[in-house]
PDB file of N, CA and C in Angstrom:
ATOM      1  N   MET A   1      10.672  -8.252  11.805  1.00  0.00           N
ATOM      2  CA  MET A   1      11.040  -7.723  10.416  1.00  0.00           C
ATOM      3  C   MET A   1      11.584  -6.072  11.401  1.00  0.00           C
ATOM      4  N   THR A   2      12.897  -5.161  10.890  1.00  0.00           N
ATOM      5  CA  THR A   2      12.956  -4.097  11.434  1.00  0.00           C
ATOM      6  C   THR A   2      12.814  -3.136  10.126  1.00  0.00           C
ATOM      7  N   TYR A   3      12.649  -2.082  10.259  1.00  0.00           N
ATOM      8  CA  TYR A   3      12.540  -0.625   9.828  1.00  0.00           C
ATOM      9  C   TYR A   3      14.419  -0.243   9.235  1.00  0.00           C
ATOM     10  N   ASP A   4      14.442  -0.058   8.211  1.00  0.00           N
ATOM     11  CA  ASP A   4      15.387   0.025   7.332  1.00  0.00           C
ATOM     12  C   ASP A   4      15.133   1.075   7.004  1.00  0.00           C
ATOM     13  N   PRO A   5      15.974   2.315   7.017  1.00  0.00           N
ATOM     14  CA  PRO A   5      15.947   3.838   6.577  1.00  0.00           C
ATOM     15  C   PRO A   5      16.117   3.896   5.302  1.00  0.00           C
ATOM     16  N   ASN A   6      16.733   2.677   4.684  1.00  0.00           N
ATOM     17  CA  ASN A   6      17.171   3.012   3.231  1.00  0.00           C
ATOM     18  C   ASN A   6      16.027   2.044   2.415  1.00  0.00           C
ATOM     19  N   ASN A   7      15.420   1.497   2.482  1.00  0.00           N
ATOM     20  CA  ASN A   7      14.886   0.589   1.978  1.00  0.00           C
ATOM     21  C   ASN A   7      14.125   1.622   0.996  1.00  0.00           C
ATOM     22  N   ILE A   8      13.655   1.072  -0.155  1.00  0.00           N
ATOM     23  CA  ILE A   8      12.904   1.789  -1.537  1.00  0.00           C
ATOM     24  C   ILE A   8      12.310   3.156  -1.200  1.00  0.00           C
ATOM     25  N   PHE A   9      11.267   2.423  -0.196  1.00  0.00           N
ATOM     26  CA  PHE A   9      10.074   3.724  -0.309  1.00  0.00           C
ATOM     27  C   PHE A   9      10.366   5.077   0.731  1.00  0.00           C
ATOM     28  N   ALA A  10      11.370   4.429   1.765  1.00  0.00           N
ATOM     29  CA  ALA A  10      12.022   5.942   2.635  1.00  0.00           C
ATOM     30  C   ALA A  10      12.835   6.385   1.582  1.00  0.00           C
ATOM     31  N   ARG A  11      13.812   5.842   0.293  1.00  0.00           N
ATOM     32  CA  ARG A  11      14.183   7.025  -0.619  1.00  0.00           C
ATOM     33  C   ARG A  11      13.137   7.531  -1.279  1.00  0.00           C
ATOM     34  N   ILE A  12      12.109   6.652  -1.586  1.00  0.00           N
ATOM     35  CA  ILE A  12      11.323   7.476  -2.635  1.00  0.00           C
ATOM     36  C   ILE A  12      10.965   8.822  -1.705  1.00  0.00           C
ATOM     37  N   LEU A  13      10.519   8.523  -0.370  1.00  0.00           N
ATOM     38  CA  LEU A  13       9.980   9.942   0.275  1.00  0.00           C
ATOM     39  C   LEU A  13      10.992  10.342   0.096  1.00  0.00           C
ATOM     40  N   ARG A  14      11.907  10.275   0.345  1.00  0.00           N
ATOM     41  CA  ARG A  14      13.110  11.526   0.532  1.00  0.00           C
ATOM     42  C   ARG A  14      13.192  11.940  -0.767  1.00  0.00           C
ATOM     43  N   GLY A  15      12.846  11.787  -1.586  1.00  0.00           N
ATOM     44  CA  GLY A  15      13.004  12.297  -3.124  1.00  0.00           C
ATOM     45  C   GLY A  15      14.580  12.183  -3.809  1.00  0.00           C
ATOM     46  N   GLU A  16      14.867  10.643  -2.673  1.00  0.00           N
ATOM     47  CA  GLU A  16      16.206   9.822  -3.743  1.00  0.00           C
ATOM     48  C   GLU A  16      15.942   9.005  -4.841  1.00  0.00           C
ATOM     49  N   ILE A  17      14.763   8.675  -5.499  1.00  0.00           N
ATOM     50  CA  ILE A  17      14.518   8.209  -6.087  1.00  0.00           C
ATOM     51  C   ILE A  17      13.405   8.268  -6.615  1.00  0.00           C
ATOM     52  N   PRO A  18      12.978   8.699  -7.969  1.00  0.00           N
ATOM     53  CA  PRO A  18      11.649   9.476  -8.157  1.00  0.00           C
ATOM     54  C   PRO A  18      10.667   8.122  -8.465  1.00  0.00           C
ATOM     55  N   CYS A  19       8.829   8.665  -8.437  1.00  0.00           N
ATOM     56  CA  CYS A  19       8.215   7.449  -8.341  1.00  0.00           C
ATOM     57  C   CYS A  19       6.933   8.511  -9.367  1.00  0.00           C
ATOM     58  N   LYS A  20       6.473   7.998  -9.871  1.00  0.00           N
ATOM     59  CA  LYS A  20       5.103   8.333 -10.675  1.00  0.00           C
ATOM     60  C   LYS A  20       4.018   8.669  -9.920  1.00  0.00           C
ATOM     61  N   LYS A  21       3.855   9.730  -8.965  1.00  0.00           N
ATOM     62  CA  LYS A  21       2.874  10.212  -7.538  1.00  0.00           C
ATOM     63  C   LYS A  21       1.598  10.339  -8.670  1.00  0.00           C
ATOM     64  N   VAL A  22       0.726   9.806  -7.960  1.00  0.00           N
ATOM     65  CA  VAL A  22      -0.477  10.163  -7.780  1.00  0.00           C
ATOM     66  C   VAL A  22      -1.578  11.007  -6.795  1.00  0.00           C
ATOM     67  N   TYR A  23      -0.987  10.780  -5.608  1.00  0.00           N
ATOM     68  CA  TYR A  23      -1.274  11.943  -4.986  1.00  0.00           C
ATOM     69  C   TYR A  23      -0.229  11.817  -3.640  1.00  0.00           C
ATOM     70  N   GLU A  24      -0.684  12.732  -2.897  1.00  0.00           N
ATOM     71  CA  GLU A  24       0.465  13.302  -1.790  1.00  0.00           C
ATOM     72  C   GLU A  24      -0.335  14.235  -0.339  1.00  0.00           C
ATOM     73  N   ASP A  25      -0.435  14.096   0.648  1.00  0.00           N
ATOM     74  CA  ASP A  25      -0.319  15.060   1.331  1.00  0.00           C
ATOM     75  C   ASP A  25       0.321  14.604   2.692  1.00  0.00           C
ATOM     76  N   ASP A  26       0.048  15.441   3.803  1.00  0.00           N
ATOM     77  CA  ASP A  26       0.415  15.037   5.125  1.00  0.00           C
ATOM     78  C   ASP A  26       1.112  13.681   5.603  1.00  0.00           C
ATOM     79  N   PHE A  27       0.270  12.883   5.297  1.00  0.00           N
ATOM     80  CA  PHE A  27       0.344  11.753   6.033  1.00  0.00           C
ATOM     81  C   PHE A  27       0.493  10.270   5.070  1.00  0.00           C
ATOM     82  N   ALA A  28       0.369  10.606   3.625  1.00  0.00           N
ATOM     83  CA  ALA A  28       0.748   9.416   2.755  1.00  0.00           C
ATOM     84  C   ALA A  28       1.062   9.844   1.265  1.00  0.00           C
ATOM     85  N   LEU A  29       1.757   9.082   0.489  1.00  0.00           N
ATOM     86  CA  LEU A  29       2.112   9.358  -0.596  1.00  0.00           C
ATOM     87  C   LEU A  29       1.817   7.978  -1.578  1.00  0.00           C
ATOM     88  N   ALA A  30       1.140   8.007  -3.002  1.00  0.00           N
ATOM     89  CA  ALA A  30       0.710   7.152  -3.340  1.00  0.00           C
ATOM     90  C   ALA A  30       1.342   7.273  -5.257  1.00  0.00           C
ATOM     91  N   PHE A  31       1.620   6.165  -5.629  1.00  0.00           N
ATOM     92  CA  PHE A  31       2.431   6.080  -6.749  1.00  0.00           C
ATOM     93  C   PHE A  31       2.227   5.078  -7.512  1.00  0.00           C
ATOM     94  N   HIS A  32       2.386   5.044  -8.639  1.00  0.00           N
ATOM     95  CA  HIS A  32       2.327   3.978  -9.731  1.00  0.00           C
ATOM     96  C   HIS A  32       3.347   2.944  -9.584  1.00  0.00           C
ATOM     97  N   ASP A  33       2.968   1.303  -9.068  1.00  0.00           N
ATOM     98  CA  ASP A  33       4.050   0.237  -9.038  1.00  0.00           C
ATOM     99  C   ASP A  33       4.778   0.260 -10.173  1.00  0.00           C
ATOM    100  N   ILE A  34       5.709  -0.090 -10.109  1.00  0.00           N
ATOM    101  CA  ILE A  34       6.872  -0.250 -11.167  1.00  0.00           C
ATOM    102  C   ILE A  34       6.639  -1.652 -12.242  1.00  0.00           C
ATOM    103  N   ASN A  35       6.008  -2.362 -11.652  1.00  0.00           N
ATOM    104  CA  ASN A  35       5.759  -3.752 -11.999  1.00  0.00           C
ATOM    105  C   ASN A  35       4.181  -4.170 -12.042  1.00  0.00           C
ATOM    106  N   PRO A  36       3.308  -3.174 -12.597  1.00  0.00           N
ATOM    107  CA  PRO A  36       1.917  -3.638 -12.280  1.00  0.00           C
ATOM    108  C   PRO A  36       1.537  -4.682 -12.389  1.00  0.00           C
ATOM    109  N   GLN A  37       0.495  -5.499 -11.852  1.00  0.00           N
ATOM    110  CA  GLN A  37      -0.054  -6.518 -11.734  1.00  0.00           C
ATOM    111  C   GLN A  37      -1.512  -6.781 -12.473  1.00  0.00           C
ATOM    112  N   ALA A  38      -2.026  -5.248 -12.110  1.00  0.00           N
ATOM    113  CA  ALA A  38      -3.793  -5.410 -12.755  1.00  0.00           C
ATOM    114  C   ALA A  38      -3.242  -3.891 -13.854  1.00  0.00           C
ATOM    115  N   PRO A  39      -4.429  -3.585 -14.500  1.00  0.00           N
ATOM    116  CA  PRO A  39      -4.633  -2.455 -15.420  1.00  0.00           C
ATOM    117  C   PRO A  39      -4.398  -0.894 -14.268  1.00  0.00           C
ATOM    118  N   VAL A  40      -4.529  -1.403 -12.885  1.00  0.00           N
ATOM    119  CA  VAL A  40      -4.949  -0.514 -11.867  1.00  0.00           C
ATOM    120  C   VAL A  40      -4.024  -0.927 -11.280  1.00  0.00           C
ATOM    121  N   HIS A  41      -2.679  -0.632 -10.685  1.00  0.00           N
ATOM    122  CA  HIS A  41      -1.815  -0.892  -9.752  1.00  0.00           C
ATOM    123  C   HIS A  41      -0.954   0.068  -8.736  1.00  0.00           C
ATOM    124  N   ILE A  42      -1.280   0.409  -7.817  1.00  0.00           N
ATOM    125  CA  ILE A  42      -1.134   2.001  -7.025  1.00  0.00           C
ATOM    126  C   ILE A  42      -0.498   1.647  -5.675  1.00  0.00           C
ATOM    127  N   LEU A  43       0.524   1.903  -5.030  1.00  0.00           N
ATOM    128  CA  LEU A  43       1.053   1.732  -3.833  1.00  0.00           C
ATOM    129  C   LEU A  43       0.763   3.030  -3.317  1.00  0.00           C
ATOM    130  N   VAL A  44       0.186   2.786  -1.541  1.00  0.00           N
ATOM    131  CA  VAL A  44       0.102   4.230  -0.697  1.00  0.00           C
ATOM    132  C   VAL A  44       0.550   3.679   0.516  1.00  0.00           C
ATOM    133  N   ILE A  45       1.246   4.515   0.841  1.00  0.00           N
ATOM    134  CA  ILE A  45       2.560   4.544   1.640  1.00  0.00           C
ATOM    135  C   ILE A  45       2.697   5.651   2.804  1.00  0.00           C
ATOM    136  N   PRO A  46       2.383   5.356   4.179  1.00  0.00           N
ATOM    137  CA  PRO A  46       2.462   6.487   4.788  1.00  0.00           C
ATOM    138  C   PRO A  46       3.731   6.721   4.965  1.00  0.00           C
ATOM    139  N   LYS A  47       3.853   8.121   5.368  1.00  0.00           N
ATOM    140  CA  LYS A  47       4.914   9.393   5.316  1.00  0.00           C
ATOM    141  C   LYS A  47       6.092   8.719   6.404  1.00  0.00           C
ATOM    142  N   GLY A  48       5.279   8.084   7.739  1.00  0.00           N
ATOM    143  CA  GLY A  48       6.208   7.943   8.703  1.00  0.00           C
ATOM    144  C   GLY A  48       6.939   6.171   8.506  1.00  0.00           C
ATOM    145  N   ALA A  49       7.746   6.339   9.187  1.00  0.00           N
ATOM    146  CA  ALA A  49       8.689   5.157   9.315  1.00  0.00           C
ATOM    147  C   ALA A  49       8.020   3.835  10.176  1.00  0.00           C
ATOM    148  N   TYR A  50       7.377   3.346   9.405  1.00  0.00           N
ATOM    149  CA  TYR A  50       6.446   1.970  10.279  1.00  0.00           C
ATOM    150  C   TYR A  50       6.539   1.054   9.035  1.00  0.00           C
ATOM    151  N   VAL A  51       7.128  -0.283   9.909  1.00  0.00           N
ATOM    152  CA  VAL A  51       7.637  -1.679   8.995  1.00  0.00           C
ATOM    153  C   VAL A  51       5.906  -2.239   8.831  1.00  0.00           C
ATOM    154  N   SER A  52       4.928  -1.938   9.689  1.00  0.00           N
ATOM    155  CA  SER A  52       3.870  -3.045   9.206  1.00  0.00           C
ATOM    156  C   SER A  52       2.513  -2.336   9.787  1.00  0.00           C
ATOM    157  N   ALA A  53       1.434  -3.261   9.445  1.00  0.00           N
ATOM    158  CA  ALA A  53       0.186  -2.508  10.320  1.00  0.00           C
ATOM    159  C   ALA A  53       0.299  -2.608  11.641  1.00  0.00           C
ATOM    160  N   ASP A  54       1.004  -3.547  12.508  1.00  0.00           N
ATOM    161  CA  ASP A  54       1.206  -3.522  13.749  1.00  0.00           C
ATOM    162  C   ASP A  54       2.080  -2.706  14.452  1.00  0.00           C
ATOM    163  N   ASP A  55       2.621  -2.412  13.712  1.00  0.00           N
ATOM    164  CA  ASP A  55       3.899  -1.540  13.898  1.00  0.00           C
ATOM    165  C   ASP A  55       2.818   0.100  13.940  1.00  0.00           C
ATOM    166  N   PHE A  56       2.274  -0.168  12.656  1.00  0.00           N
ATOM    167  CA  PHE A  56       1.791   1.776  12.308  1.00  0.00           C
ATOM    168  C   PHE A  56       0.713   1.918  13.483  1.00  0.00           C
ATOM    169  N   THR A  57      -0.100   0.770  13.823  1.00  0.00           N
ATOM    170  CA  THR A  57      -1.623   0.868  14.468  1.00  0.00           C
ATOM    171  C   THR A  57      -1.153   1.153  16.105  1.00  0.00           C
ATOM    172  N   ALA A  58       0.157   0.443  16.334  1.00  0.00           N
ATOM    173  CA  ALA A  58       0.501   0.639  17.502  1.00  0.00           C
ATOM    174  C   ALA A  58       1.595   2.216  17.690  1.00  0.00           C
ATOM    175  N   LYS A  59       1.832   2.232  16.862  1.00  0.00           N
ATOM    176  CA  LYS A  59       2.818   3.875  17.261  1.00  0.00           C
ATOM    177  C   LYS A  59       2.489   4.880  16.432  1.00  0.00           C
ATOM    178  N   ALA A  60       1.747   4.953  15.449  1.00  0.00           N
ATOM    179  CA  ALA A  60       1.439   6.193  14.893  1.00  0.00           C
ATOM    180  C   ALA A  60      -0.077   6.748  15.618  1.00  0.00           C
ATOM    181  N   SER A  61      -0.050   8.166  15.258  1.00  0.00           N
ATOM    182  CA  SER A  61      -1.031   9.485  15.870  1.00  0.00           C
ATOM    183  C   SER A  61      -2.366   8.524  15.231  1.00  0.00           C
ATOM    184  N   ASP A  62      -3.490   9.462  16.097  1.00  0.00           N
ATOM    185  CA  ASP A  62      -4.826   9.067  15.361  1.00  0.00           C
ATOM    186  C   ASP A  62      -4.598   9.403  13.908  1.00  0.00           C
ATOM    187  N   ALA A  63      -3.913  10.998  14.083  1.00  0.00           N
ATOM    188  CA  ALA A  63      -4.056  12.003  12.836  1.00  0.00           C
ATOM    189  C   ALA A  63      -3.293  11.066  11.317  1.00  0.00           C
ATOM    190  N   GLU A  64      -2.668  10.333  11.697  1.00  0.00           N
ATOM    191  CA  GLU A  64      -1.643   9.910  10.643  1.00  0.00           C
ATOM    192  C   GLU A  64      -2.853   8.449  10.244  1.00  0.00           C
ATOM    193  N   ILE A  65      -3.171   7.543  10.945  1.00  0.00           N
ATOM    194  CA  ILE A  65      -4.167   6.085  11.208  1.00  0.00           C
ATOM    195  C   ILE A  65      -5.089   6.913  10.281  1.00  0.00           C
ATOM    196  N   VAL A  66      -6.077   7.749  10.347  1.00  0.00           N
ATOM    197  CA  VAL A  66      -6.941   8.333   9.852  1.00  0.00           C
ATOM    198  C   VAL A  66      -6.733   9.164   8.511  1.00  0.00           C
ATOM    199  N   GLY A  67      -5.570   9.424   8.506  1.00  0.00           N
ATOM    200  CA  GLY A  67      -4.679  10.242   6.824  1.00  0.00           C
ATOM    201  C   GLY A  67      -4.363   9.386   6.119  1.00  0.00           C
ATOM    202  N   LEU A  68      -3.968   8.410   6.554  1.00  0.00           N
ATOM    203  CA  LEU A  68      -3.680   7.064   5.627  1.00  0.00           C
ATOM    204  C   LEU A  68      -4.600   6.665   4.972  1.00  0.00           C
ATOM    205  N   ILE A  69      -6.255   5.985   5.851  1.00  0.00           N
ATOM    206  CA  ILE A  69      -6.811   5.951   5.934  1.00  0.00           C
ATOM    207  C   ILE A  69      -7.734   6.067   4.490  1.00  0.00           C
ATOM    208  N   ARG A  70      -8.038   7.458   4.986  1.00  0.00           N
ATOM    209  CA  ARG A  70      -8.783   8.601   3.774  1.00  0.00           C
ATOM    210  C   ARG A  70      -7.683   8.629   2.566  1.00  0.00           C
ATOM    211  N   ALA A  71      -6.276   8.495   2.468  1.00  0.00           N
ATOM    212  CA  ALA A  71      -5.671   8.755   1.382  1.00  0.00           C
ATOM    213  C   ALA A  71      -6.088   7.389   0.644  1.00  0.00           C
ATOM    214  N   ILE A  72      -6.333   6.100   0.997  1.00  0.00           N
ATOM    215  CA  ILE A  72      -6.676   5.029   0.431  1.00  0.00           C
ATOM    216  C   ILE A  72      -7.770   4.864  -0.670  1.00  0.00           C
ATOM    217  N   GLY A  73      -8.913   5.684   0.141  1.00  0.00           N
ATOM    218  CA  GLY A  73     -10.192   6.195  -0.489  1.00  0.00           C
ATOM    219  C   GLY A  73     -10.227   7.357  -1.400  1.00  0.00           C
ATOM    220  N   THR A  74      -9.245   8.034  -1.270  1.00  0.00           N
ATOM    221  CA  THR A  74      -9.074   9.152  -2.357  1.00  0.00           C
ATOM    222  C   THR A  74      -8.593   8.375  -3.661  1.00  0.00           C
ATOM    223  N   VAL A  75      -7.306   7.974  -3.171  1.00  0.00           N
ATOM    224  CA  VAL A  75      -6.990   7.155  -4.626  1.00  0.00           C
ATOM    225  C   VAL A  75      -7.380   6.635  -5.377  1.00  0.00           C
ATOM    226  N   ALA A  76      -8.451   5.400  -4.420  1.00  0.00           N
ATOM    227  CA  ALA A  76      -8.929   4.929  -5.545  1.00  0.00           C
ATOM    228  C   ALA A  76      -9.948   5.759  -5.981  1.00  0.00           C
ATOM    229  N   ARG A  77     -10.754   6.280  -5.709  1.00  0.00           N
ATOM    230  CA  ARG A  77     -11.668   7.059  -6.044  1.00  0.00           C
ATOM    231  C   ARG A  77     -11.021   7.447  -7.623  1.00  0.00           C
ATOM    232  N   GLN A  78      -9.922   8.368  -7.002  1.00  0.00           N
ATOM    233  CA  GLN A  78      -9.210   8.881  -8.237  1.00  0.00           C
ATOM    234  C   GLN A  78      -8.821   7.951  -9.651  1.00  0.00           C
ATOM    235  N   ALA A  79      -8.400   7.140  -8.825  1.00  0.00           N
ATOM    236  CA  ALA A  79      -8.207   6.033 -10.209  1.00  0.00           C
ATOM    237  C   ALA A  79      -9.457   5.230 -11.205  1.00  0.00           C
ATOM    238  N   GLY A  80     -10.184   5.335 -10.379  1.00  0.00           N
ATOM    239  CA  GLY A  80     -11.734   5.004 -10.891  1.00  0.00           C
ATOM    240  C   GLY A  80     -11.960   3.640 -10.842  1.00  0.00           C
ATOM    241  N   VAL A  81     -11.707   2.823  -9.743  1.00  0.00           N
ATOM    242  CA  VAL A  81     -11.837   1.557  -9.292  1.00  0.00           C
ATOM    243  C   VAL A  81     -13.306   1.311  -8.723  1.00  0.00           C
ATOM    244  N   THR A  82     -13.518   2.375  -7.865  1.00  0.00           N
ATOM    245  CA  THR A  82     -14.399   2.018  -6.795  1.00  0.00           C
ATOM    246  C   THR A  82     -15.835   1.603  -7.435  1.00  0.00           C
ATOM    247  N   ALA A  83     -16.626   2.012  -8.608  1.00  0.00           N
ATOM    248  CA  ALA A  83     -17.459   1.672  -9.172  1.00  0.00           C
ATOM    249  C   ALA A  83     -18.152   0.109 -10.002  1.00  0.00           C
ATOM    250  N   ASP A  84     -16.170  -0.631  -9.954  1.00  0.00           N
ATOM    251  CA  ASP A  84     -16.503  -2.024 -10.330  1.00  0.00           C
ATOM    252  C   ASP A  84     -15.741  -3.059  -9.966  1.00  0.00           C
ATOM    253  N   GLY A  85     -15.355  -2.297  -8.540  1.00  0.00           N
ATOM    254  CA  GLY A  85     -14.491  -3.262  -7.292  1.00  0.00           C
ATOM    255  C   GLY A  85     -12.971  -3.031  -7.924  1.00  0.00           C
ATOM    256  N   TRP A  86     -12.427  -3.427  -6.222  1.00  0.00           N
ATOM    257  CA  TRP A  86     -10.812  -3.213  -6.288  1.00  0.00           C
ATOM    258  C   TRP A  86     -10.517  -3.985  -5.072  1.00  0.00           C
ATOM    259  N   ARG A  87      -9.325  -4.437  -5.283  1.00  0.00           N
ATOM    260  CA  ARG A  87      -8.732  -4.994  -3.901  1.00  0.00           C
ATOM    261  C   ARG A  87      -7.599  -4.171  -3.267  1.00  0.00           C
ATOM    262  N   LEU A  88      -7.699  -4.619  -2.111  1.00  0.00           N
ATOM    263  CA  LEU A  88      -6.635  -3.666  -0.775  1.00  0.00           C
ATOM    264  C   LEU A  88      -5.724  -4.654  -0.715  1.00  0.00           C
ATOM    265  N   LEU A  89      -4.268  -4.560  -0.720  1.00  0.00           N
ATOM    266  CA  LEU A  89      -3.864  -5.705  -0.010  1.00  0.00           C
ATOM    267  C   LEU A  89      -2.191  -5.007   0.436  1.00  0.00           C
ATOM    268  N   SER A  90      -2.300  -5.761   1.409  1.00  0.00           N
ATOM    269  CA  SER A  90      -0.733  -5.580   2.080  1.00  0.00           C
ATOM    270  C   SER A  90       0.121  -6.681   2.739  1.00  0.00           C
ATOM    271  N   ASN A  91       1.216  -6.941   2.514  1.00  0.00           N
ATOM    272  CA  ASN A  91       1.762  -7.915   2.468  1.00  0.00           C
ATOM    273  C   ASN A  91       2.718  -8.232   3.772  1.00  0.00           C
ATOM    274  N   ILE A  92       2.109  -8.781   4.980  1.00  0.00           N
ATOM    275  CA  ILE A  92       2.786  -8.299   6.205  1.00  0.00           C
ATOM    276  C   ILE A  92       3.853  -9.254   7.111  1.00  0.00           C
ATOM    277  N   GLY A  93       5.137  -9.066   7.033  1.00  0.00           N
ATOM    278  CA  GLY A  93       6.400 -10.393   7.203  1.00  0.00           C
ATOM    279  C   GLY A  93       6.256 -11.126   6.307  1.00  0.00           C
ATOM    280  N   VAL A  94       6.957 -12.323   7.163  1.00  0.00           N
ATOM    281  CA  VAL A  94       7.681 -13.478   6.203  1.00  0.00           C
ATOM    282  C   VAL A  94       6.581 -14.243   5.749  1.00  0.00           C
ATOM    283  N   ASN A  95       5.596 -14.662   6.531  1.00  0.00           N
ATOM    284  CA  ASN A  95       4.312 -15.314   5.789  1.00  0.00           C
ATOM    285  C   ASN A  95       3.934 -14.964   5.144  1.00  0.00           C
ATOM    286  N   GLY A  96       3.704 -13.464   4.979  1.00  0.00           N
ATOM    287  CA  GLY A  96       2.767 -12.843   4.213  1.00  0.00           C
ATOM    288  C   GLY A  96       3.391 -12.053   3.155  1.00  0.00           C
ATOM    289  N   HIS A  97       5.112 -12.546   2.802  1.00  0.00           N
ATOM    290  CA  HIS A  97       5.570 -12.239   1.430  1.00  0.00           C
ATOM    291  C   HIS A  97       6.254 -11.083   1.154  1.00  0.00           C
ATOM    292  N   GLN A  98       6.198  -9.814   2.432  1.00  0.00           N
ATOM    293  CA  GLN A  98       6.483  -8.897   2.140  1.00  0.00           C
ATOM    294  C   GLN A  98       7.559  -8.436   2.309  1.00  0.00           C
ATOM    295  N   GLU A  99       8.336  -7.977   1.049  1.00  0.00           N
ATOM    296  CA  GLU A  99       9.109  -7.526   0.375  1.00  0.00           C
ATOM    297  C   GLU A  99      10.104  -6.233   0.824  1.00  0.00           C
ATOM    298  N   VAL A 100       9.532  -5.388   1.001  1.00  0.00           N
ATOM    299  CA  VAL A 100      10.015  -3.839   1.204  1.00  0.00           C
ATOM    300  C   VAL A 100       9.349  -3.707   2.823  1.00  0.00           C
ATOM    301  N   PRO A 101      10.671  -3.495   4.231  1.00  0.00           N
ATOM    302  CA  PRO A 101      10.289  -3.236   5.136  1.00  0.00           C
ATOM    303  C   PRO A 101       9.827  -1.939   5.633  1.00  0.00           C
ATOM    304  N   HIS A 102       8.599  -1.501   4.527  1.00  0.00           N
ATOM    305  CA  HIS A 102       7.823   0.134   5.052  1.00  0.00           C
ATOM    306  C   HIS A 102       6.493  -0.625   4.863  1.00  0.00           C
ATOM    307  N   LEU A 103       5.614   0.103   5.876  1.00  0.00           N
ATOM    308  CA  LEU A 103       3.978  -0.311   5.461  1.00  0.00           C
ATOM    309  C   LEU A 103       3.502  -0.203   4.082  1.00  0.00           C
ATOM    310  N   HIS A 104       2.957  -0.757   3.122  1.00  0.00           N
ATOM    311  CA  HIS A 104       2.229   0.088   2.193  1.00  0.00           C
ATOM    312  C   HIS A 104       1.386  -0.995   1.563  1.00  0.00           C
ATOM    313  N   PHE A 105       0.379  -0.228   0.835  1.00  0.00           N
ATOM    314  CA  PHE A 105      -0.931  -1.243   0.642  1.00  0.00           C
ATOM    315  C   PHE A 105      -1.080  -1.108  -0.857  1.00  0.00           C
ATOM    316  N   HIS A 106      -1.566  -2.073  -1.265  1.00  0.00           N
ATOM    317  CA  HIS A 106      -1.042  -1.987  -3.155  1.00  0.00           C
ATOM    318  C   HIS A 106      -2.931  -1.776  -3.302  1.00  0.00           C
ATOM    319  N   ILE A 107      -3.350  -0.975  -4.102  1.00  0.00           N
ATOM    320  CA  ILE A 107      -4.713  -0.893  -4.863  1.00  0.00           C
ATOM    321  C   ILE A 107      -4.739  -1.376  -6.126  1.00  0.00           C
ATOM    322  N   PHE A 108      -5.002  -2.474  -6.451  1.00  0.00           N
ATOM    323  CA  PHE A 108      -5.696  -3.181  -7.445  1.00  0.00           C
ATOM    324  C   PHE A 108      -6.926  -3.279  -8.319  1.00  0.00           C
ATOM    325  N   GLY A 109      -7.086  -2.723  -9.276  1.00  0.00           N
ATOM    326  CA  GLY A 109      -8.480  -2.768  -9.909  1.00  0.00           C
ATOM    327  C   GLY A 109      -8.136  -2.648 -11.845  1.00  0.00           C
ATOM    328  N   GLY A 110      -9.670  -2.580 -12.080  1.00  0.00           N
ATOM    329  CA  GLY A 110      -9.512  -2.247 -13.807  1.00  0.00           C
ATOM    330  C   GLY A 110      -9.535  -3.456 -14.493  1.00  0.00           C
ATOM    331  N   ARG A 111      -9.808  -5.041 -13.614  1.00  0.00           N
ATOM    332  CA  ARG A 111      -9.997  -5.906 -14.546  1.00  0.00           C
ATOM    333  C   ARG A 111     -10.667  -7.090 -12.956  1.00  0.00           C
ATOM    334  N   GLN A 112     -11.161  -8.318 -13.400  1.00  0.00           N
ATOM    335  CA  GLN A 112     -11.639  -9.024 -12.832  1.00  0.00           C
ATOM    336  C   GLN A 112     -10.222  -9.262 -12.096  1.00  0.00           C
ATOM    337  N   LEU A 113     -10.370  -9.539 -10.647  1.00  0.00           N
ATOM    338  CA  LEU A 113      -9.234  -9.908 -10.162  1.00  0.00           C
ATOM    339  C   LEU A 113      -9.121 -11.988  -9.871  1.00  0.00           C
ATOM    340  N   GLY A 114     -10.256 -12.574  -9.723  1.00  0.00           N
ATOM    341  CA  GLY A 114     -10.180 -13.571  -9.298  1.00  0.00           C
ATOM    342  C   GLY A 114     -10.132 -13.920  -7.761  1.00  0.00           C
ATOM    343  N   HIS A 115      -9.894 -14.991  -7.328  1.00  0.00           N
ATOM    344  CA  HIS A 115      -9.724 -15.387  -5.794  1.00  0.00           C
ATOM    345  C   HIS A 115      -8.764 -14.823  -5.495  1.00  0.00           C
ATOM    346  N   MET A 116      -8.862 -14.221  -3.876  1.00  0.00           N
ATOM    347  CA  MET A 116      -7.684 -13.891  -3.312  1.00  0.00           C
ATOM    348  C   MET A 116      -6.735 -14.764  -2.872  1.00  0.00           C
ATOM    349  N   LEU A 117      -6.746 -16.035  -2.849  1.00  0.00           N
ATOM    350  CA  LEU A 117      -5.899 -17.234  -2.313  1.00  0.00           C
ATOM    351  C   LEU A 117      -6.238 -18.330  -3.323  1.00  0.00           C
ATOM    352  N   PRO A 118      -5.652 -19.341  -3.992  1.00  0.00           N
ATOM    353  CA  PRO A 118      -6.247 -20.306  -4.501  1.00  0.00           C
ATOM    354  C   PRO A 118      -6.380 -21.528  -3.576  1.00  0.00           C
ATOM    355  N   SER A 119      -7.782 -22.211  -3.881  1.00  0.00           N
ATOM    356  CA  SER A 119      -8.309 -23.252  -3.046  1.00  0.00           C
ATOM    357  C   SER A 119      -7.555 -23.961  -2.624  1.00  0.00           C
ATOM    358  N   SER A 120      -7.256 -24.357  -1.303  1.00  0.00           N
ATOM    359  CA  SER A 120      -6.077 -25.526  -0.926  1.00  0.00           C
ATOM    360  C   SER A 120      -6.845 -26.754  -0.760  1.00  0.00           C
ATOM    361  N   GLY A 121      -8.341 -26.564  -0.725  1.00  0.00           N
ATOM    362  CA  GLY A 121      -9.430 -27.720  -0.951  1.00  0.00           C
ATOM    363  C   GLY A 121      -9.669 -28.404   0.633  1.00  0.00           C
ATOM    364  N   ASN A 122      -9.017 -27.597   1.743  1.00  0.00           N
ATOM    365  CA  ASN A 122      -9.522 -27.220   3.030  1.00  0.00           C
ATOM    366  C   ASN A 122     -10.765 -26.192   3.107  1.00  0.00           C
ATOM    367  N   THR A 123     -11.443 -26.909   4.066  1.00  0.00           N
ATOM    368  CA  THR A 123     -12.888 -25.850   4.195  1.00  0.00           C
ATOM    369  C   THR A 123     -12.465 -25.276   6.140  1.00  0.00           C
ATOM    370  N   ILE A 124     -12.813 -24.499   6.043  1.00  0.00           N
ATOM    371  CA  ILE A 124     -12.522 -23.357   7.532  1.00  0.00           C
ATOM    372  C   ILE A 124     -14.047 -23.551   7.945  1.00  0.00           C
TER     373      ILE A 124
END
């Protein structure tokens, strides 16, 4: 998957599309998902043009990497999900069902989230 500079998150970062922002700093932007899957569903994106975690960890500066991880923790605390638990998810690539070619993390919380993946009956 290649980076598309006209993807929806790039357009949000440029201010072309509005978002319901909850956090922003030099490295990251966080906003409410427009189609929430849990009572708390916030997206956290790096401000740089990175497609995936692989792309990000290979090309981002140490400051960008630390900044994004700190932003995720800050947003989770501000959203009030850290006491009862929350899920952090990033879909990467075709098999991971990534829909937008810009690295992004979903913060889910506010209810019991259940198993991460349905059981296939196979044991590891």
